[in-house]
Amino acid sequence: MPREIITLQLGQCGNQIGFEFWKQLCAEHGISPEGIVEEFATEGTDRKDVFFYQADDEHYIPRAVLLDLEPRVIHSILNSPYAKLYNPENIYLSEHGGGAGNNWASGFSQGEKIHEDIFDIIDREADGSDSLEVNTDCPFPMQGFVLCHSIAGGTGSGLGSYLLERLNDRYPKKLVQTYSVFPNQDEMSDVVVQPYNSLLTLKRLTQNADCVVVLDNTALNRIATDRLHIQNPSFSQINQLVSTIMSASTTTLRYPGYMNNDLIGLIASLIPTPRLHFLMTGYTPLTTDQSVASVRKTTVLDVMRRLLQPKNVMVSTGRDRQTNHCYIAILNIIQGEVDPTQVHKSLQRIRERKLANFIPWGPASIQVALSRKSPYLPSAHRVSGLMMANHTSISSLFESSCQQYDKLRKREAFLEQFRKEDIFKENFDELDTSREVVQELIDEYHAATRPDYISWGTQEQ
């Protein structure tokens, strides 16, 4: 029995990566842009209903809610070949359409004003999930929510933060996973308050999400340039890279095997302690439409070894990654024709050669989930792999967010934009609290590299 996942797409970035994700899912499941199963798609062993539901007229409709405070991106989706795919009742555009002006405080405040309209849509979608319909004690209830957003702008960060808090209150037993896009550190941002937006959102991602898949634009741009040889990667090329990661990370849910076939299984294997729930991903082999496959032969060992190379990891971390940091857990999702004995041999080889450095306070947890490839998509490679890893070096990303924040906060720069909103009318305590929460997160990631981490946090009491 399927366990449904509801996808929430927020703001410009969230809706753009969400759009690419649904395009990819349609292609993999043999669903046309109008939501109709293609004639050639006769193999019925996939689970479409985790992410789609069937309307009365047999159309497949994404379990997605599209939210934005300005209309441009959603209008472009509604003018695309995929316009008929979505349920129009699940699209929410704010009435004045003025957006959040890249201001977290504006997005958060607008969330407070419009939350009833938004939760009408989310509640209806959750209540419509088959497994909630049958009875309230159903053993396979809706699994939870996947939120797609950026942490740097106004809507994805501010409205996203507001929704994360409310989802916890309203659905306390449901999992909340996010795909969170972090800004490109190599470029000057045109959003001057980006460091404030990022830190305020990071507080909510730390306290209100169960799992955060970090999509780091710095690393994604580097991979597009160095590995895919694209000179100036466009947003749509980066978003295609993101949709590859998103769809690969959900293959075990959509082509179920004997393990990791639900969200809790995926998360439980990667997140042994609740606060350290920020994951990085790696993918191989990487190819684009134009490029000819540069990897000649893909074996399981080859794929698993490549996944451990920093150049294939989609988060840019510091140079001390190898020396001062370690893996907390790894899940490799291997797609394609794979002999399970090869997996066992590859794991042995990785352990013998110490290709991955693990935490000193727990087991060296490398899990491998085998998954089928979509029968409807041609593939240049026999085997491809996605790594989802919990690695302590992700703290360097939070450290650079804090450094940028500190520079602005010290000068009290650009704070007047925030003062207009109720949450900052009296003072800026919310900013300072967020900074403390993120610092505690950084400290805990550093503590996790040491053998005494198990007793961490008890000494301070």
Foldseek 3Di string as FASTA:
>chain_A
DAAAEAEEAKEQQSLLLVLLLVVVVCLLQCADLLQARDPVNPDDLWAPRNQWDADPVRGTAGSYAYEFAACDRVVVCCVDSNVNRYDVLRYDYHPVRPGQQQALLSLQQVCVVCVVSNVVNVVVSQCPRVQCVVDPVRPRHHQAYEYEAEQFGHNRQNNVLNVLVVCCVVVVPHAYEYAYEYEAPVDDDPRLCRLLSNLLSVLSCQPRHQAYEYQYPNLLQVCCCPVAVDPGDDPSNSSNVVSVQVCLLQQCCTNPDPAPNDDCRSQVLADVDRRLRYKKKFKPDDYDPPDDDPDDADAPLNQVLVRLDPSRIRADFDPCQQPQKFFAAKEKEKEADHDVVSVVVSVVVCVVVVSGGYFPADDHHYHYHYGYGRPSDDDPYRMMMMMITRMLRSLRVLVVSLVSVCVCVVVVPPCVSNCVHPVPVPHDVSSVVSSVSSVVSNVLSSLRNDNPSVCPPVVVD
